[in-house]
Amino acid sequence: EIVNNPAVKIVVETIGGVGVAKAFVIAALEHGKTVVTSNK
């Protein structure tokens, strides 16, 4: 729903970890969304 929303240009990820967070970040990037993350 988020990555297909044309109004969303930037996706902020603050979930943490490398499971769901990684999958969501990849989905956002593949849809051309810039990603901002706090996930070290």
Full PDB file with SEQRES, HELIX, SHEET, SSBOND, CRYST1, ORIGX, SCALE, CONECT and MASTER records, all heavy atoms in Angstrom:
SEQRES   1 A   40  GLU ILE VAL ASN ASN PRO ALA VAL LYS ILE VAL VAL GLU          
SEQRES   2 A   40  THR ILE GLY GLY VAL GLY VAL ALA LYS ALA PHE VAL ILE          
SEQRES   3 A   40  ALA ALA LEU GLU HIS GLY LYS THR VAL VAL THR SER ASN          
SEQRES   4 A   40  LYS                                                          
HELIX    1 AA1 VAL A   20  GLU A   30  1                                  11    
SHEET    1 AA1 2 ILE A  10  GLU A  13  0                                        
SHEET    2 AA1 2 THR A  34  THR A  37  1                                        
CRYST1    1.000    1.000    1.000  90.00  90.00  90.00 P 1           1          
ORIGX1      1.000000  0.000000  0.000000        0.00000                         
ORIGX2      0.000000  1.000000  0.000000        0.00000                         
ORIGX3      0.000000  0.000000  1.000000        0.00000                         
SCALE1      1.000000  0.000000  0.000000        0.00000                         
SCALE2      0.000000  1.000000  0.000000        0.00000                         
SCALE3      0.000000  0.000000  1.000000        0.00000                         
ATOM      1  N   GLU A   1       0.828  -1.202   0.000  1.00  0.00           N  
ATOM      2  CA  GLU A   1       0.000   0.000   0.000  1.00  0.00           C  
ATOM      3  C   GLU A   1       0.867   1.258   0.000  1.00  0.00           C  
ATOM      4  O   GLU A   1       0.546   2.263  -0.646  1.00  0.00           O  
ATOM      5  CB  GLU A   1      -0.916  -0.029   1.216  1.00  0.00           C  
ATOM      6  CG  GLU A   1      -2.017   1.020   1.209  1.00  0.00           C  
ATOM      7  CD  GLU A   1      -2.939   0.866   2.411  1.00  0.00           C  
ATOM      8  OE1 GLU A   1      -3.161  -0.287   2.858  1.00  0.00           O  
ATOM      9  OE2 GLU A   1      -3.411   1.907   2.915  1.00  0.00           O  
ATOM     10  N   ILE A   2       1.996   1.185   0.723  1.00  0.00           N  
ATOM     11  CA  ILE A   2       2.890   2.340   0.819  1.00  0.00           C  
ATOM     12  C   ILE A   2       3.695   2.541  -0.463  1.00  0.00           C  
ATOM     13  O   ILE A   2       3.762   3.641  -1.013  1.00  0.00           O  
ATOM     14  CB  ILE A   2       3.819   2.193   2.040  1.00  0.00           C  
ATOM     15  CG1 ILE A   2       3.034   2.523   3.308  1.00  0.00           C  
ATOM     16  CG2 ILE A   2       5.052   3.094   1.918  1.00  0.00           C  
ATOM     17  CD1 ILE A   2       3.787   2.332   4.585  1.00  0.00           C  
ATOM     18  N   VAL A   3       4.310   1.471  -0.957  1.00  0.00           N  
ATOM     19  CA  VAL A   3       5.201   1.629  -2.118  1.00  0.00           C  
ATOM     20  C   VAL A   3       4.420   1.952  -3.387  1.00  0.00           C  
ATOM     21  O   VAL A   3       4.989   2.469  -4.368  1.00  0.00           O  
ATOM     22  CB  VAL A   3       6.092   0.382  -2.324  1.00  0.00           C  
ATOM     23  CG1 VAL A   3       6.986   0.162  -1.110  1.00  0.00           C  
ATOM     24  CG2 VAL A   3       5.249  -0.861  -2.614  1.00  0.00           C  
ATOM     25  N   ASN A   4       3.128   1.649  -3.404  1.00  0.00           N  
ATOM     26  CA  ASN A   4       2.305   1.955  -4.576  1.00  0.00           C  
ATOM     27  C   ASN A   4       1.542   3.272  -4.432  1.00  0.00           C  
ATOM     28  O   ASN A   4       0.721   3.614  -5.296  1.00  0.00           O  
ATOM     29  CB  ASN A   4       1.322   0.809  -4.842  1.00  0.00           C  
ATOM     30  CG  ASN A   4       2.027  -0.430  -5.375  1.00  0.00           C  
ATOM     31  OD1 ASN A   4       2.743  -0.369  -6.371  1.00  0.00           O  
ATOM     32  ND2 ASN A   4       1.840  -1.561  -4.701  1.00  0.00           N  
ATOM     33  N   ASN A   5       1.836   3.995  -3.358  1.00  0.00           N  
ATOM     34  CA  ASN A   5       1.203   5.292  -3.126  1.00  0.00           C  
ATOM     35  C   ASN A   5       2.023   6.377  -3.825  1.00  0.00           C  
ATOM     36  O   ASN A   5       3.144   6.673  -3.411  1.00  0.00           O  
ATOM     37  CB  ASN A   5       1.121   5.563  -1.630  1.00  0.00           C  
ATOM     38  CG  ASN A   5       0.369   6.847  -1.307  1.00  0.00           C  
ATOM     39  OD1 ASN A   5       0.170   7.704  -2.169  1.00  0.00           O  
ATOM     40  ND2 ASN A   5      -0.031   6.985  -0.049  1.00  0.00           N  
ATOM     41  N   PRO A   6       1.502   6.999  -4.889  1.00  0.00           N  
ATOM     42  CA  PRO A   6       2.281   7.996  -5.636  1.00  0.00           C  
ATOM     43  C   PRO A   6       2.614   9.247  -4.827  1.00  0.00           C  
ATOM     44  O   PRO A   6       3.552   9.977  -5.160  1.00  0.00           O  
ATOM     45  CB  PRO A   6       1.373   8.338  -6.824  1.00  0.00           C  
ATOM     46  CG  PRO A   6       0.003   7.976  -6.385  1.00  0.00           C  
ATOM     47  CD  PRO A   6       0.161   6.796  -5.471  1.00  0.00           C  
ATOM     48  N   ALA A   7       1.881   9.491  -3.741  1.00  0.00           N  
ATOM     49  CA  ALA A   7       2.154  10.666  -2.905  1.00  0.00           C  
ATOM     50  C   ALA A   7       3.380  10.476  -2.023  1.00  0.00           C  
ATOM     51  O   ALA A   7       3.967  11.443  -1.538  1.00  0.00           O  
ATOM     52  CB  ALA A   7       0.932  10.986  -2.043  1.00  0.00           C  
ATOM     53  N   VAL A   8       3.782   9.228  -1.822  1.00  0.00           N  
ATOM     54  CA  VAL A   8       4.933   8.926  -0.964  1.00  0.00           C  
ATOM     55  C   VAL A   8       6.211   8.968  -1.797  1.00  0.00           C  
ATOM     56  O   VAL A   8       6.395   8.174  -2.724  1.00  0.00           O  
ATOM     57  CB  VAL A   8       4.781   7.543  -0.289  1.00  0.00           C  
ATOM     58  CG1 VAL A   8       6.074   7.161   0.438  1.00  0.00           C  
ATOM     59  CG2 VAL A   8       3.607   7.548   0.681  1.00  0.00           C  
ATOM     60  N   LYS A   9       7.108   9.893  -1.452  1.00  0.00           N  
ATOM     61  CA  LYS A   9       8.397  10.013  -2.138  1.00  0.00           C  
ATOM     62  C   LYS A   9       9.547   9.480  -1.286  1.00  0.00           C  
ATOM     63  O   LYS A   9      10.568   9.037  -1.804  1.00  0.00           O  
ATOM     64  CB  LYS A   9       8.674  11.484  -2.482  1.00  0.00           C  
ATOM     65  CG  LYS A   9       7.577  12.158  -3.303  1.00  0.00           C  
ATOM     66  CD  LYS A   9       7.375  11.469  -4.644  1.00  0.00           C  
ATOM     67  CE  LYS A   9       6.294  12.188  -5.458  1.00  0.00           C  
ATOM     68  NZ  LYS A   9       5.994  11.469  -6.731  1.00  0.00           N  
ATOM     69  N   ILE A  10       9.363   9.567   0.033  1.00  0.00           N  
ATOM     70  CA  ILE A  10      10.420   9.147   0.964  1.00  0.00           C  
ATOM     71  C   ILE A  10       9.825   8.166   1.970  1.00  0.00           C  
ATOM     72  O   ILE A  10       8.768   8.432   2.561  1.00  0.00           O  
ATOM     73  CB  ILE A  10      11.016  10.353   1.719  1.00  0.00           C  
ATOM     74  CG1 ILE A  10      11.657  11.334   0.730  1.00  0.00           C  
ATOM     75  CG2 ILE A  10      12.044   9.892   2.752  1.00  0.00           C  
ATOM     76  CD1 ILE A  10      12.108  12.632   1.378  1.00  0.00           C  
ATOM     77  N   VAL A  11      10.502   7.031   2.172  1.00  0.00           N  
ATOM     78  CA  VAL A  11      10.075   6.029   3.151  1.00  0.00           C  
ATOM     79  C   VAL A  11      11.085   6.005   4.298  1.00  0.00           C  
ATOM     80  O   VAL A  11      12.286   5.830   4.078  1.00  0.00           O  
ATOM     81  CB  VAL A  11       9.968   4.632   2.509  1.00  0.00           C  
ATOM     82  CG1 VAL A  11       9.677   3.578   3.572  1.00  0.00           C  
ATOM     83  CG2 VAL A  11       8.887   4.618   1.432  1.00  0.00           C  
ATOM     84  N   VAL A  12      10.594   6.190   5.504  1.00  0.00           N  
ATOM     85  CA  VAL A  12      11.434   6.168   6.706  1.00  0.00           C  
ATOM     86  C   VAL A  12      11.276   4.814   7.383  1.00  0.00           C  
ATOM     87  O   VAL A  12      10.163   4.412   7.732  1.00  0.00           O  
ATOM     88  CB  VAL A  12      11.022   7.291   7.679  1.00  0.00           C  
ATOM     89  CG1 VAL A  12      11.778   7.147   9.002  1.00  0.00           C  
ATOM     90  CG2 VAL A  12      11.266   8.652   7.066  1.00  0.00           C  
ATOM     91  N   GLU A  13      12.386   4.105   7.572  1.00  0.00           N  
ATOM     92  CA  GLU A  13      12.358   2.783   8.220  1.00  0.00           C  
ATOM     93  C   GLU A  13      12.953   2.879   9.607  1.00  0.00           C  
ATOM     94  O   GLU A  13      14.129   3.219   9.758  1.00  0.00           O  
ATOM     95  CB  GLU A  13      13.126   1.767   7.381  1.00  0.00           C  
ATOM     96  CG  GLU A  13      13.105   0.350   7.952  1.00  0.00           C  
ATOM     97  CD  GLU A  13      14.187   0.089   8.989  1.00  0.00           C  
ATOM     98  OE1 GLU A  13      15.362   0.404   8.727  1.00  0.00           O  
ATOM     99  OE2 GLU A  13      13.849  -0.430  10.078  1.00  0.00           O  
ATOM    100  N   THR A  14      12.156   2.565  10.637  1.00  0.00           N  
ATOM    101  CA  THR A  14      12.644   2.566  12.014  1.00  0.00           C  
ATOM    102  C   THR A  14      12.237   1.280  12.730  1.00  0.00           C  
ATOM    103  O   THR A  14      12.074   1.261  13.952  1.00  0.00           O  
ATOM    104  CB  THR A  14      12.101   3.784  12.792  1.00  0.00           C  
ATOM    105  OG1 THR A  14      10.669   3.721  12.815  1.00  0.00           O  
ATOM    106  CG2 THR A  14      12.529   5.092  12.152  1.00  0.00           C  
ATOM    107  N   ILE A  15      12.065   0.203  11.962  1.00  0.00           N  
ATOM    108  CA  ILE A  15      11.651  -1.080  12.538  1.00  0.00           C  
ATOM    109  C   ILE A  15      12.802  -1.739  13.279  1.00  0.00           C  
ATOM    110  O   ILE A  15      12.658  -2.279  14.366  1.00  0.00           O  
ATOM    111  CB  ILE A  15      11.129  -2.023  11.427  1.00  0.00           C  
ATOM    112  CG1 ILE A  15       9.913  -1.411  10.734  1.00  0.00           C  
ATOM    113  CG2 ILE A  15      10.780  -3.398  11.995  1.00  0.00           C  
ATOM    114  CD1 ILE A  15       9.499  -2.141   9.475  1.00  0.00           C  
ATOM    115  N   GLY A  16      13.994  -1.735  12.657  1.00  0.00           N  
ATOM    116  CA  GLY A  16      15.164  -2.368  13.240  1.00  0.00           C  
ATOM    117  C   GLY A  16      15.334  -3.802  12.778  1.00  0.00           C  
ATOM    118  O   GLY A  16      14.405  -4.422  12.243  1.00  0.00           O  
ATOM    119  N   GLY A  17      16.540  -4.339  12.968  1.00  0.00           N  
ATOM    120  CA  GLY A  17      16.829  -5.709  12.565  1.00  0.00           C  
ATOM    121  C   GLY A  17      17.051  -5.828  11.067  1.00  0.00           C  
ATOM    122  O   GLY A  17      17.037  -4.840  10.327  1.00  0.00           O  
ATOM    123  N   VAL A  18      17.259  -7.066  10.614  1.00  0.00           N  
ATOM    124  CA  VAL A  18      17.574  -7.281   9.198  1.00  0.00           C  
ATOM    125  C   VAL A  18      16.594  -8.249   8.538  1.00  0.00           C  
ATOM    126  O   VAL A  18      16.863  -8.772   7.470  1.00  0.00           O  
ATOM    127  CB  VAL A  18      19.021  -7.795   9.017  1.00  0.00           C  
ATOM    128  CG1 VAL A  18      20.024  -6.739   9.410  1.00  0.00           C  
ATOM    129  CG2 VAL A  18      19.255  -9.081   9.822  1.00  0.00           C  
ATOM    130  N   GLY A  19      15.450  -8.463   9.147  1.00  0.00           N  
ATOM    131  CA  GLY A  19      14.445  -9.352   8.565  1.00  0.00           C  
ATOM    132  C   GLY A  19      13.412  -8.576   7.784  1.00  0.00           C  
ATOM    133  O   GLY A  19      13.601  -8.236   6.617  1.00  0.00           O  
ATOM    134  N   VAL A  20      12.300  -8.276   8.450  1.00  0.00           N  
ATOM    135  CA  VAL A  20      11.220  -7.518   7.823  1.00  0.00           C  
ATOM    136  C   VAL A  20      11.713  -6.165   7.330  1.00  0.00           C  
ATOM    137  O   VAL A  20      11.353  -5.714   6.230  1.00  0.00           O  
ATOM    138  CB  VAL A  20      10.054  -7.329   8.822  1.00  0.00           C  
ATOM    139  CG1 VAL A  20       9.020  -6.363   8.266  1.00  0.00           C  
ATOM    140  CG2 VAL A  20       9.403  -8.670   9.141  1.00  0.00           C  
ATOM    141  N   ALA A  21      12.546  -5.523   8.116  1.00  0.00           N  
ATOM    142  CA  ALA A  21      13.041  -4.189   7.747  1.00  0.00           C  
ATOM    143  C   ALA A  21      13.757  -4.214   6.402  1.00  0.00           C  
ATOM    144  O   ALA A  21      13.543  -3.344   5.549  1.00  0.00           O  
ATOM    145  CB  ALA A  21      13.976  -3.665   8.832  1.00  0.00           C  
ATOM    146  N   LYS A  22      14.608  -5.210   6.199  1.00  0.00           N  
ATOM    147  CA  LYS A  22      15.338  -5.311   4.934  1.00  0.00           C  
ATOM    148  C   LYS A  22      14.375  -5.512   3.764  1.00  0.00           C  
ATOM    149  O   LYS A  22      14.511  -4.866   2.711  1.00  0.00           O  
ATOM    150  CB  LYS A  22      16.347  -6.461   4.996  1.00  0.00           C  
ATOM    151  CG  LYS A  22      17.174  -6.608   3.725  1.00  0.00           C  
ATOM    152  CD  LYS A  22      18.076  -7.835   3.778  1.00  0.00           C  
ATOM    153  CE  LYS A  22      18.828  -8.014   2.462  1.00  0.00           C  
ATOM    154  NZ  LYS A  22      19.606  -9.260   2.443  1.00  0.00           N  
ATOM    155  N   ALA A  23      13.425  -6.396   3.934  1.00  0.00           N  
ATOM    156  CA  ALA A  23      12.459  -6.675   2.862  1.00  0.00           C  
ATOM    157  C   ALA A  23      11.664  -5.423   2.509  1.00  0.00           C  
ATOM    158  O   ALA A  23      11.432  -5.124   1.322  1.00  0.00           O  
ATOM    159  CB  ALA A  23      11.524  -7.796   3.283  1.00  0.00           C  
ATOM    160  N   PHE A  24      11.251  -4.665   3.524  1.00  0.00           N  
ATOM    161  CA  PHE A  24      10.476  -3.449   3.290  1.00  0.00           C  
ATOM    162  C   PHE A  24      11.322  -2.367   2.602  1.00  0.00           C  
ATOM    163  O   PHE A  24      10.839  -1.667   1.712  1.00  0.00           O  
ATOM    164  CB  PHE A  24       9.912  -2.914   4.605  1.00  0.00           C  
ATOM    165  CG  PHE A  24       8.731  -3.696   5.139  1.00  0.00           C  
ATOM    166  CD1 PHE A  24       8.277  -4.844   4.493  1.00  0.00           C  
ATOM    167  CD2 PHE A  24       8.063  -3.280   6.282  1.00  0.00           C  
ATOM    168  CE1 PHE A  24       7.184  -5.575   4.985  1.00  0.00           C  
ATOM    169  CE2 PHE A  24       6.970  -3.986   6.774  1.00  0.00           C  
ATOM    170  CZ  PHE A  24       6.537  -5.138   6.120  1.00  0.00           C  
ATOM    171  N   VAL A  25      12.566  -2.230   3.038  1.00  0.00           N  
ATOM    172  CA  VAL A  25      13.453  -1.237   2.421  1.00  0.00           C  
ATOM    173  C   VAL A  25      13.704  -1.568   0.956  1.00  0.00           C  
ATOM    174  O   VAL A  25      13.670  -0.685   0.084  1.00  0.00           O  
ATOM    175  CB  VAL A  25      14.774  -1.138   3.199  1.00  0.00           C  
ATOM    176  CG1 VAL A  25      15.832  -0.359   2.408  1.00  0.00           C  
ATOM    177  CG2 VAL A  25      14.549  -0.475   4.554  1.00  0.00           C  
ATOM    178  N   ILE A  26      13.948  -2.841   0.662  1.00  0.00           N  
ATOM    179  CA  ILE A  26      14.158  -3.255  -0.731  1.00  0.00           C  
ATOM    180  C   ILE A  26      12.917  -2.962  -1.569  1.00  0.00           C  
ATOM    181  O   ILE A  26      13.013  -2.447  -2.696  1.00  0.00           O  
ATOM    182  CB  ILE A  26      14.530  -4.748  -0.800  1.00  0.00           C  
ATOM    183  CG1 ILE A  26      15.963  -4.961  -0.266  1.00  0.00           C  
ATOM    184  CG2 ILE A  26      14.429  -5.274  -2.236  1.00  0.00           C  
ATOM    185  CD1 ILE A  26      16.380  -6.412  -0.161  1.00  0.00           C  
ATOM    186  N   ALA A  27      11.741  -3.247  -1.028  1.00  0.00           N  
ATOM    187  CA  ALA A  27      10.498  -2.983  -1.752  1.00  0.00           C  
ATOM    188  C   ALA A  27      10.357  -1.499  -2.070  1.00  0.00           C  
ATOM    189  O   ALA A  27       9.965  -1.114  -3.184  1.00  0.00           O  
ATOM    190  CB  ALA A  27       9.302  -3.465  -0.932  1.00  0.00           C  
ATOM    191  N   ALA A  28      10.696  -0.652  -1.098  1.00  0.00           N  
ATOM    192  CA  ALA A  28      10.606   0.796  -1.307  1.00  0.00           C  
ATOM    193  C   ALA A  28      11.583   1.259  -2.380  1.00  0.00           C  
ATOM    194  O   ALA A  28      11.222   2.022  -3.286  1.00  0.00           O  
ATOM    195  CB  ALA A  28      10.864   1.525   0.007  1.00  0.00           C  
ATOM    196  N   LEU A  29      12.819   0.803  -2.301  1.00  0.00           N  
ATOM    197  CA  LEU A  29      13.830   1.210  -3.273  1.00  0.00           C  
ATOM    198  C   LEU A  29      13.466   0.739  -4.682  1.00  0.00           C  
ATOM    199  O   LEU A  29      13.657   1.469  -5.673  1.00  0.00           O  
ATOM    200  CB  LEU A  29      15.200   0.661  -2.869  1.00  0.00           C  
ATOM    201  CG  LEU A  29      15.814   1.235  -1.587  1.00  0.00           C  
ATOM    202  CD1 LEU A  29      17.066   0.456  -1.205  1.00  0.00           C  
ATOM    203  CD2 LEU A  29      16.135   2.720  -1.740  1.00  0.00           C  
ATOM    204  N   GLU A  30      12.960  -0.477  -4.768  1.00  0.00           N  
ATOM    205  CA  GLU A  30      12.601  -1.018  -6.085  1.00  0.00           C  
ATOM    206  C   GLU A  30      11.433  -0.259  -6.720  1.00  0.00           C  
ATOM    207  O   GLU A  30      11.243  -0.321  -7.943  1.00  0.00           O  
ATOM    208  CB  GLU A  30      12.274  -2.504  -5.969  1.00  0.00           C  
ATOM    209  CG  GLU A  30      13.521  -3.367  -5.754  1.00  0.00           C  
ATOM    210  CD  GLU A  30      13.213  -4.843  -5.619  1.00  0.00           C  
ATOM    211  OE1 GLU A  30      12.050  -5.181  -5.289  1.00  0.00           O  
ATOM    212  OE2 GLU A  30      14.135  -5.663  -5.823  1.00  0.00           O  
ATOM    213  N   HIS A  31      10.681   0.454  -5.907  1.00  0.00           N  
ATOM    214  CA  HIS A  31       9.593   1.284  -6.432  1.00  0.00           C  
ATOM    215  C   HIS A  31      10.035   2.748  -6.562  1.00  0.00           C  
ATOM    216  O   HIS A  31       9.190   3.642  -6.724  1.00  0.00           O  
ATOM    217  CB  HIS A  31       8.361   1.180  -5.531  1.00  0.00           C  
ATOM    218  CG  HIS A  31       7.572  -0.086  -5.745  1.00  0.00           C  
ATOM    219  ND1 HIS A  31       7.982  -1.308  -5.236  1.00  0.00           N  
ATOM    220  CD2 HIS A  31       6.412  -0.326  -6.430  1.00  0.00           C  
ATOM    221  CE1 HIS A  31       7.106  -2.246  -5.581  1.00  0.00           C  
ATOM    222  NE2 HIS A  31       6.149  -1.679  -6.310  1.00  0.00           N  
ATOM    223  N   GLY A  32      11.337   2.974  -6.491  1.00  0.00           N  
ATOM    224  CA  GLY A  32      11.862   4.321  -6.707  1.00  0.00           C  
ATOM    225  C   GLY A  32      11.692   5.273  -5.549  1.00  0.00           C  
ATOM    226  O   GLY A  32      11.813   6.497  -5.719  1.00  0.00           O  
ATOM    227  N   LYS A  33      11.414   4.752  -4.351  1.00  0.00           N  
ATOM    228  CA  LYS A  33      11.254   5.606  -3.179  1.00  0.00           C  
ATOM    229  C   LYS A  33      12.614   5.789  -2.493  1.00  0.00           C  
ATOM    230  O   LYS A  33      13.331   4.812  -2.246  1.00  0.00           O  
ATOM    231  CB  LYS A  33      10.282   5.003  -2.167  1.00  0.00           C  
ATOM    232  CG  LYS A  33       8.971   4.469  -2.748  1.00  0.00           C  
ATOM    233  CD  LYS A  33       8.061   5.567  -3.238  1.00  0.00           C  
ATOM    234  CE  LYS A  33       6.701   4.990  -3.645  1.00  0.00           C  
ATOM    235  NZ  LYS A  33       5.810   6.019  -4.230  1.00  0.00           N  
ATOM    236  N   THR A  34      12.954   7.010  -2.175  1.00  0.00           N  
ATOM    237  CA  THR A  34      14.149   7.256  -1.371  1.00  0.00           C  
ATOM    238  C   THR A  34      13.896   6.730   0.041  1.00  0.00           C  
ATOM    239  O   THR A  34      12.798   6.891   0.590  1.00  0.00           O  
ATOM    240  CB  THR A  34      14.471   8.753  -1.334  1.00  0.00           C  
ATOM    241  OG1 THR A  34      15.074   9.120  -2.580  1.00  0.00           O  
ATOM    242  CG2 THR A  34      15.433   9.103  -0.205  1.00  0.00           C  
ATOM    243  N   VAL A  35      14.908   6.092   0.627  1.00  0.00           N  
ATOM    244  CA  VAL A  35      14.774   5.501   1.963  1.00  0.00           C  
ATOM    245  C   VAL A  35      15.663   6.232   2.958  1.00  0.00           C  
ATOM    246  O   VAL A  35      16.837   6.514   2.684  1.00  0.00           O  
ATOM    247  CB  VAL A  35      15.131   4.000   1.941  1.00  0.00           C  
ATOM    248  CG1 VAL A  35      15.268   3.448   3.361  1.00  0.00           C  
ATOM    249  CG2 VAL A  35      14.070   3.212   1.176  1.00  0.00           C  
ATOM    250  N   VAL A  36      15.097   6.534   4.118  1.00  0.00           N  
ATOM    251  CA  VAL A  36      15.832   7.060   5.269  1.00  0.00           C  
ATOM    252  C   VAL A  36      15.682   6.039   6.383  1.00  0.00           C  
ATOM    253  O   VAL A  36      14.571   5.620   6.704  1.00  0.00           O  
ATOM    254  CB  VAL A  36      15.270   8.423   5.711  1.00  0.00           C  
ATOM    255  CG1 VAL A  36      15.908   8.863   7.027  1.00  0.00           C  
ATOM    256  CG2 VAL A  36      15.487   9.470   4.631  1.00  0.00           C  
ATOM    257  N   THR A  37      16.807   5.608   6.964  1.00  0.00           N  
ATOM    258  CA  THR A  37      16.739   4.559   7.987  1.00  0.00           C  
ATOM    259  C   THR A  37      17.629   4.881   9.179  1.00  0.00           C  
ATOM    260  O   THR A  37      18.669   5.536   9.044  1.00  0.00           O  
ATOM    261  CB  THR A  37      17.136   3.191   7.403  1.00  0.00           C  
ATOM    262  OG1 THR A  37      17.105   2.201   8.445  1.00  0.00           O  
ATOM    263  CG2 THR A  37      18.518   3.221   6.791  1.00  0.00           C  
ATOM    264  N   SER A  38      17.208   4.395  10.345  1.00  0.00           N  
ATOM    265  CA  SER A  38      18.015   4.506  11.568  1.00  0.00           C  
ATOM    266  C   SER A  38      18.654   3.168  11.926  1.00  0.00           C  
ATOM    267  O   SER A  38      19.202   3.017  13.019  1.00  0.00           O  
ATOM    268  CB  SER A  38      17.121   4.962  12.729  1.00  0.00           C  
ATOM    269  OG  SER A  38      16.081   4.019  12.954  1.00  0.00           O  
ATOM    270  N   ASN A  39      18.612   2.221  11.001  1.00  0.00           N  
ATOM    271  CA  ASN A  39      18.947   0.825  11.277  1.00  0.00           C  
ATOM    272  C   ASN A  39      20.427   0.536  11.027  1.00  0.00           C  
ATOM    273  O   ASN A  39      20.843   0.243   9.912  1.00  0.00           O  
ATOM    274  CB  ASN A  39      18.065  -0.053  10.372  1.00  0.00           C  
ATOM    275  CG  ASN A  39      18.070  -1.502  10.771  1.00  0.00           C  
ATOM    276  OD1 ASN A  39      19.043  -2.007  11.320  1.00  0.00           O  
ATOM    277  ND2 ASN A  39      16.986  -2.195  10.476  1.00  0.00           N  
ATOM    278  N   LYS A  40      21.242   0.604  12.104  1.00  0.00           N  
ATOM    279  CA  LYS A  40      22.699   0.425  11.928  1.00  0.00           C  
ATOM    280  C   LYS A  40      23.068  -0.994  11.509  1.00  0.00           C  
ATOM    281  O   LYS A  40      23.985  -1.193  10.712  1.00  0.00           O  
ATOM    282  CB  LYS A  40      23.464   0.813  13.188  1.00  0.00           C  
ATOM    283  CG  LYS A  40      23.223  -0.034  14.434  1.00  0.00           C  
ATOM    284  CD  LYS A  40      22.269   0.645  15.350  1.00  0.00           C  
ATOM    285  CE  LYS A  40      22.000  -0.110  16.621  1.00  0.00           C  
ATOM    286  NZ  LYS A  40      20.998   0.575  17.455  1.00  0.00           N  
TER     287      LYS A  40                                                      
MASTER        0    0    0    1    2    0    0    6  286    1    0    4          
END                                                                             
